[in-house]
Amino acid sequence: MPDFNGEPVARLDLRVGAEHLALEVTDIGYGVMVEAFGAPHGVSVTEVRLEQLLDAPSS
């Protein structure tokens, strides 16, 4: 599925029982970035929309 920039990402559904854990894996050129997020029972992880968080400037 595409991310905010239209680049492909992979999502892993790790929900078991009452747990809500899912992962989004994005290629960042020199490696991958993995973000954990919650996904309610009965909703596909591809339907969950994450808010884009911007990092504060480092200098």
PDB file of N, CA and C in Angstrom:
ATOM      1  N   MET A   1       0.842  -1.174   0.000  1.00  0.00           N
ATOM      2  CA  MET A   1       0.000   0.000   0.000  1.00  0.00           C
ATOM      3  C   MET A   1       0.882   1.230   0.000  1.00  0.00           C
ATOM      4  N   PRO A   2       0.423   2.361  -0.524  1.00  0.00           N
ATOM      5  CA  PRO A   2       1.252   3.569  -0.556  1.00  0.00           C
ATOM      6  C   PRO A   2       1.250   4.315   0.777  1.00  0.00           C
ATOM      7  N   ASP A   3       2.369   4.997   1.065  1.00  0.00           N
ATOM      8  CA  ASP A   3       2.441   5.832   2.256  1.00  0.00           C
ATOM      9  C   ASP A   3       2.021   7.254   1.890  1.00  0.00           C
ATOM     10  N   PHE A   4       2.345   8.242   2.731  1.00  0.00           N
ATOM     11  CA  PHE A   4       1.955   9.631   2.488  1.00  0.00           C
ATOM     12  C   PHE A   4       2.545  10.183   1.188  1.00  0.00           C
ATOM     13  N   ASN A   5       3.734   9.696   0.802  1.00  0.00           N
ATOM     14  CA  ASN A   5       4.403  10.176  -0.403  1.00  0.00           C
ATOM     15  C   ASN A   5       4.115   9.320  -1.625  1.00  0.00           C
ATOM     16  N   GLY A   6       3.274   8.324  -1.482  1.00  0.00           N
ATOM     17  CA  GLY A   6       2.962   7.437  -2.594  1.00  0.00           C
ATOM     18  C   GLY A   6       3.940   6.289  -2.741  1.00  0.00           C
ATOM     19  N   GLU A   7       4.932   6.198  -1.839  1.00  0.00           N
ATOM     20  CA  GLU A   7       5.909   5.104  -1.868  1.00  0.00           C
ATOM     21  C   GLU A   7       5.293   3.858  -1.236  1.00  0.00           C
ATOM     22  N   PRO A   8       5.686   2.673  -1.708  1.00  0.00           N
ATOM     23  CA  PRO A   8       5.104   1.447  -1.136  1.00  0.00           C
ATOM     24  C   PRO A   8       5.606   1.172   0.284  1.00  0.00           C
ATOM     25  N   VAL A   9       4.715   0.678   1.109  1.00  0.00           N
ATOM     26  CA  VAL A   9       5.036   0.231   2.463  1.00  0.00           C
ATOM     27  C   VAL A   9       4.391  -1.133   2.672  1.00  0.00           C
ATOM     28  N   ALA A  10       4.902  -1.858   3.645  1.00  0.00           N
ATOM     29  CA  ALA A  10       4.315  -3.150   4.006  1.00  0.00           C
ATOM     30  C   ALA A  10       3.736  -3.030   5.408  1.00  0.00           C
ATOM     31  N   ARG A  11       2.605  -3.650   5.624  1.00  0.00           N
ATOM     32  CA  ARG A  11       1.999  -3.679   6.954  1.00  0.00           C
ATOM     33  C   ARG A  11       1.850  -5.118   7.400  1.00  0.00           C
ATOM     34  N   LEU A  12       2.204  -5.358   8.653  1.00  0.00           N
ATOM     35  CA  LEU A  12       2.106  -6.689   9.245  1.00  0.00           C
ATOM     36  C   LEU A  12       1.054  -6.672  10.337  1.00  0.00           C
ATOM     37  N   ASP A  13       0.112  -7.559  10.239  1.00  0.00           N
ATOM     38  CA  ASP A  13      -0.958  -7.674  11.225  1.00  0.00           C
ATOM     39  C   ASP A  13      -0.511  -8.667  12.287  1.00  0.00           C
ATOM     40  N   LEU A  14      -0.220  -8.158  13.489  1.00  0.00           N
ATOM     41  CA  LEU A  14       0.237  -9.014  14.586  1.00  0.00           C
ATOM     42  C   LEU A  14      -0.837  -9.180  15.664  1.00  0.00           C
ATOM     43  N   ARG A  15      -2.079  -8.881  15.325  1.00  0.00           N
ATOM     44  CA  ARG A  15      -3.156  -8.974  16.310  1.00  0.00           C
ATOM     45  C   ARG A  15      -3.455 -10.434  16.630  1.00  0.00           C
ATOM     46  N   VAL A  16      -3.485 -10.717  17.926  1.00  0.00           N
ATOM     47  CA  VAL A  16      -3.842 -12.046  18.412  1.00  0.00           C
ATOM     48  C   VAL A  16      -4.748 -11.847  19.623  1.00  0.00           C
ATOM     49  N   GLY A  17      -5.877 -12.461  19.609  1.00  0.00           N
ATOM     50  CA  GLY A  17      -6.805 -12.316  20.729  1.00  0.00           C
ATOM     51  C   GLY A  17      -7.255 -10.874  20.876  1.00  0.00           C
ATOM     52  N   ALA A  18      -7.057 -10.303  22.067  1.00  0.00           N
ATOM     53  CA  ALA A  18      -7.495  -8.929  22.343  1.00  0.00           C
ATOM     54  C   ALA A  18      -6.420  -7.893  22.019  1.00  0.00           C
ATOM     55  N   GLU A  19      -5.266  -8.320  21.538  1.00  0.00           N
ATOM     56  CA  GLU A  19      -4.186  -7.385  21.225  1.00  0.00           C
ATOM     57  C   GLU A  19      -4.494  -6.616  19.942  1.00  0.00           C
ATOM     58  N   HIS A  20      -3.903  -5.441  19.783  1.00  0.00           N
ATOM     59  CA  HIS A  20      -4.199  -4.576  18.642  1.00  0.00           C
ATOM     60  C   HIS A  20      -2.953  -4.197  17.848  1.00  0.00           C
ATOM     61  N   LEU A  21      -1.836  -4.885  18.036  1.00  0.00           N
ATOM     62  CA  LEU A  21      -0.556  -4.488  17.450  1.00  0.00           C
ATOM     63  C   LEU A  21      -0.451  -4.807  15.963  1.00  0.00           C
ATOM     64  N   ALA A  22       0.014  -3.822  15.213  1.00  0.00           N
ATOM     65  CA  ALA A  22       0.335  -3.985  13.795  1.00  0.00           C
ATOM     66  C   ALA A  22       1.610  -3.173  13.537  1.00  0.00           C
ATOM     67  N   LEU A  23       2.330  -3.503  12.475  1.00  0.00           N
ATOM     68  CA  LEU A  23       3.566  -2.803  12.127  1.00  0.00           C
ATOM     69  C   LEU A  23       3.495  -2.292  10.702  1.00  0.00           C
ATOM     70  N   GLU A  24       4.099  -1.128  10.473  1.00  0.00           N
ATOM     71  CA  GLU A  24       4.246  -0.594   9.125  1.00  0.00           C
ATOM     72  C   GLU A  24       5.745  -0.506   8.842  1.00  0.00           C
ATOM     73  N   VAL A  25       6.185  -1.085   7.729  1.00  0.00           N
ATOM     74  CA  VAL A  25       7.599  -1.133   7.360  1.00  0.00           C
ATOM     75  C   VAL A  25       7.787  -0.309   6.090  1.00  0.00           C
ATOM     76  N   THR A  26       8.698   0.679   6.167  1.00  0.00           N
ATOM     77  CA  THR A  26       8.952   1.592   5.056  1.00  0.00           C
ATOM     78  C   THR A  26      10.425   1.556   4.686  1.00  0.00           C
ATOM     79  N   ASP A  27      10.738   1.472   3.401  1.00  0.00           N
ATOM     80  CA  ASP A  27      12.110   1.549   2.910  1.00  0.00           C
ATOM     81  C   ASP A  27      12.553   3.004   2.976  1.00  0.00           C
ATOM     82  N   ILE A  28      13.704   3.268   3.624  1.00  0.00           N
ATOM     83  CA  ILE A  28      14.213   4.637   3.716  1.00  0.00           C
ATOM     84  C   ILE A  28      15.548   4.784   2.992  1.00  0.00           C
ATOM     85  N   GLY A  29      15.792   3.930   2.025  1.00  0.00           N
ATOM     86  CA  GLY A  29      16.981   4.049   1.188  1.00  0.00           C
ATOM     87  C   GLY A  29      18.166   3.262   1.693  1.00  0.00           C
ATOM     88  N   TYR A  30      18.565   3.482   2.923  1.00  0.00           N
ATOM     89  CA  TYR A  30      19.725   2.807   3.499  1.00  0.00           C
ATOM     90  C   TYR A  30      19.323   1.768   4.540  1.00  0.00           C
ATOM     91  N   GLY A  31      18.045   1.499   4.657  1.00  0.00           N
ATOM     92  CA  GLY A  31      17.516   0.536   5.618  1.00  0.00           C
ATOM     93  C   GLY A  31      16.002   0.607   5.600  1.00  0.00           C
ATOM     94  N   VAL A  32      15.398   0.228   6.698  1.00  0.00           N
ATOM     95  CA  VAL A  32      13.945   0.301   6.825  1.00  0.00           C
ATOM     96  C   VAL A  32      13.569   1.000   8.119  1.00  0.00           C
ATOM     97  N   MET A  33      12.386   1.588   8.132  1.00  0.00           N
ATOM     98  CA  MET A  33      11.833   2.192   9.324  1.00  0.00           C
ATOM     99  C   MET A  33      10.595   1.378   9.690  1.00  0.00           C
ATOM    100  N   VAL A  34      10.480   0.998  10.954  1.00  0.00           N
ATOM    101  CA  VAL A  34       9.345   0.205  11.420  1.00  0.00           C
ATOM    102  C   VAL A  34       8.582   1.021  12.456  1.00  0.00           C
ATOM    103  N   GLU A  35       7.289   1.180  12.229  1.00  0.00           N
ATOM    104  CA  GLU A  35       6.432   1.900  13.161  1.00  0.00           C
ATOM    105  C   GLU A  35       5.338   0.961  13.649  1.00  0.00           C
ATOM    106  N   ALA A  36       5.151   0.927  14.962  1.00  0.00           N
ATOM    107  CA  ALA A  36       4.074   0.133  15.550  1.00  0.00           C
ATOM    108  C   ALA A  36       2.831   1.006  15.664  1.00  0.00           C
ATOM    109  N   PHE A  37       1.662   0.409  15.454  1.00  0.00           N
ATOM    110  CA  PHE A  37       0.404   1.127  15.622  1.00  0.00           C
ATOM    111  C   PHE A  37      -0.675   0.154  16.026  1.00  0.00           C
ATOM    112  N   GLY A  38      -1.765   0.682  16.532  1.00  0.00           N
ATOM    113  CA  GLY A  38      -2.887  -0.144  16.946  1.00  0.00           C
ATOM    114  C   GLY A  38      -3.932  -0.238  15.848  1.00  0.00           C
ATOM    115  N   ALA A  39      -4.530  -1.390  15.719  1.00  0.00           N
ATOM    116  CA  ALA A  39      -5.594  -1.607  14.742  1.00  0.00           C
ATOM    117  C   ALA A  39      -6.724  -2.352  15.439  1.00  0.00           C
ATOM    118  N   PRO A  40      -7.924  -1.771  15.477  1.00  0.00           N
ATOM    119  CA  PRO A  40      -9.040  -2.411  16.164  1.00  0.00           C
ATOM    120  C   PRO A  40      -9.437  -3.742  15.519  1.00  0.00           C
ATOM    121  N   HIS A  41      -9.976  -4.631  16.325  1.00  0.00           N
ATOM    122  CA  HIS A  41     -10.475  -5.911  15.827  1.00  0.00           C
ATOM    123  C   HIS A  41     -11.566  -5.664  14.789  1.00  0.00           C
ATOM    124  N   GLY A  42     -11.525  -6.399  13.700  1.00  0.00           N
ATOM    125  CA  GLY A  42     -12.545  -6.279  12.668  1.00  0.00           C
ATOM    126  C   GLY A  42     -12.228  -5.251  11.598  1.00  0.00           C
ATOM    127  N   VAL A  43     -11.103  -4.525  11.737  1.00  0.00           N
ATOM    128  CA  VAL A  43     -10.701  -3.522  10.756  1.00  0.00           C
ATOM    129  C   VAL A  43      -9.399  -3.982  10.121  1.00  0.00           C
ATOM    130  N   SER A  44      -9.318  -3.962   8.793  1.00  0.00           N
ATOM    131  CA  SER A  44      -8.093  -4.348   8.096  1.00  0.00           C
ATOM    132  C   SER A  44      -6.983  -3.340   8.399  1.00  0.00           C
ATOM    133  N   VAL A  45      -5.760  -3.819   8.572  1.00  0.00           N
ATOM    134  CA  VAL A  45      -4.645  -2.909   8.853  1.00  0.00           C
ATOM    135  C   VAL A  45      -4.393  -1.954   7.688  1.00  0.00           C
ATOM    136  N   THR A  46      -4.838  -2.304   6.490  1.00  0.00           N
ATOM    137  CA  THR A  46      -4.664  -1.399   5.351  1.00  0.00           C
ATOM    138  C   THR A  46      -5.676  -0.258   5.373  1.00  0.00           C
ATOM    139  N   GLU A  47      -6.739  -0.389   6.170  1.00  0.00           N
ATOM    140  CA  GLU A  47      -7.736   0.674   6.274  1.00  0.00           C
ATOM    141  C   GLU A  47      -7.383   1.706   7.334  1.00  0.00           C
ATOM    142  N   VAL A  48      -6.466   1.382   8.243  1.00  0.00           N
ATOM    143  CA  VAL A  48      -6.069   2.298   9.308  1.00  0.00           C
ATOM    144  C   VAL A  48      -5.207   3.403   8.704  1.00  0.00           C
ATOM    145  N   ARG A  49      -5.549   4.658   8.973  1.00  0.00           N
ATOM    146  CA  ARG A  49      -4.784   5.799   8.479  1.00  0.00           C
ATOM    147  C   ARG A  49      -3.986   6.380   9.638  1.00  0.00           C
ATOM    148  N   LEU A  50      -2.680   6.427   9.468  1.00  0.00           N
ATOM    149  CA  LEU A  50      -1.802   6.965  10.501  1.00  0.00           C
ATOM    150  C   LEU A  50      -1.584   8.446  10.273  1.00  0.00           C
ATOM    151  N   GLU A  51      -1.451   9.198  11.374  1.00  0.00           N
ATOM    152  CA  GLU A  51      -1.135  10.612  11.257  1.00  0.00           C
ATOM    153  C   GLU A  51       0.355  10.755  10.989  1.00  0.00           C
ATOM    154  N   GLN A  52       0.694  11.630  10.057  1.00  0.00           N
ATOM    155  CA  GLN A  52       2.099  11.866   9.748  1.00  0.00           C
ATOM    156  C   GLN A  52       2.673  12.739  10.855  1.00  0.00           C
ATOM    157  N   LEU A  53       3.740  12.276  11.492  1.00  0.00           N
ATOM    158  CA  LEU A  53       4.401  13.020  12.553  1.00  0.00           C
ATOM    159  C   LEU A  53       5.700  13.599  11.995  1.00  0.00           C
ATOM    160  N   LEU A  54       5.875  14.876  12.193  1.00  0.00           N
ATOM    161  CA  LEU A  54       7.087  15.523  11.727  1.00  0.00           C
ATOM    162  C   LEU A  54       8.070  15.649  12.871  1.00  0.00           C
ATOM    163  N   ASP A  55       9.338  15.308  12.620  1.00  0.00           N
ATOM    164  CA  ASP A  55      10.375  15.450  13.636  1.00  0.00           C
ATOM    165  C   ASP A  55      10.721  16.921  13.811  1.00  0.00           C
ATOM    166  N   ALA A  56      11.030  17.292  15.036  1.00  0.00           N
ATOM    167  CA  ALA A  56      11.489  18.648  15.295  1.00  0.00           C
ATOM    168  C   ALA A  56      12.890  18.829  14.736  1.00  0.00           C
ATOM    169  N   PRO A  57      13.240  20.042  14.312  1.00  0.00           N
ATOM    170  CA  PRO A  57      14.594  20.258  13.791  1.00  0.00           C
ATOM    171  C   PRO A  57      15.644  19.908  14.828  1.00  0.00           C
ATOM    172  N   SER A  58      16.739  19.313  14.387  1.00  0.00           N
ATOM    173  CA  SER A  58      17.776  18.882  15.324  1.00  0.00           C
ATOM    174  C   SER A  58      18.793  19.983  15.619  1.00  0.00           C
ATOM    175  N   SER A  59      18.730  21.078  14.895  1.00  0.00           N
ATOM    176  CA  SER A  59      19.674  22.169  15.185  1.00  0.00           C
ATOM    177  C   SER A  59      18.986  23.516  15.190  1.00  0.00           C
TER     178      SER A  59
END
